[in-house]
Amino acid sequence: MREGVTVTGVVLKSSPSGETDRRLVVLTRERGKITVFARGARRPGSPFMAACRPFVFASFTLYEGREAYGLKGAEVAEYFDRLGQDMEASCYGSYFLEIADYYTRENVRDEPMMVLVYQSLKALLKPVFPRELVRRIFELKAMVNGGEYTERPPRQTGDSAAYAWEYVVYSPPEKLYTFTLKEDAFREFASCVEMERRRFMDKNFKSLEILESLKQMTAGSAPAKDHL
């Protein structure tokens, strides 16, 4: 092992490794997506346990190995515990993590994607932003960040949807969640994002499948609500 390094990032994946360890995939500001092994993280009382969950944003102190990193310590900035208390929000958040994993590469810096994930998880927890709007903004900006997008909507729309599209394309992640759309404009915007998603994202996302199933179940059991 070499000297310790400190990085800031979000846990995209956490899975068991051996009898007591965890294997993490962390998207970091300094080194892009990396693999981190947390020794003993599954033991009761482990100081690593809380930091080894998806959604966690933290400053990680690591030992650098040949093919992966070892976790030495972590200072958690945000757990996003409220996502775990809301099944729908958790599905949206997990979907965002899957997309971030899809678009990022090992050891290739991608700070904009890390910031996008952070800002989008925060937006999910703000009642002022409809979650489907957060989803569509995230999808479009993730495609933009990955270099797979069109500067304008793929079909003709009204002015509001077209402006929203251009705003998402050209704004930094920190400024994305500053607007809402009326129902008609949102439908146009969402339809255009879906067209591009199907065109550019060559993957079936498990979290999205669960989310769509959950929404269908909710729609079938709850009375219709008027949109604001």
Foldseek 3Di string as FASTA:
>chain_A
DDDKDKWKWFWLDWDDDPDAKIWTWTATQPFGTFIEIEPRLRPPPDQCVQVRDGGWIWIFIWDDDDRHIYTDDIDTPDSLVVCVVDVLLVLLLNLLSVLSVVLTDGRDHDNLSRLLSVLLNVVSPDPVADNLVSSLLSLLLSCLSSVQDDCFQPDDDDPVLRVLSNCSNPDGSVPNPPDDDPPRSVVSNSVSSVVSCVVPPPDDDPSVVVSVVVVVVVPVPDDDDDDD
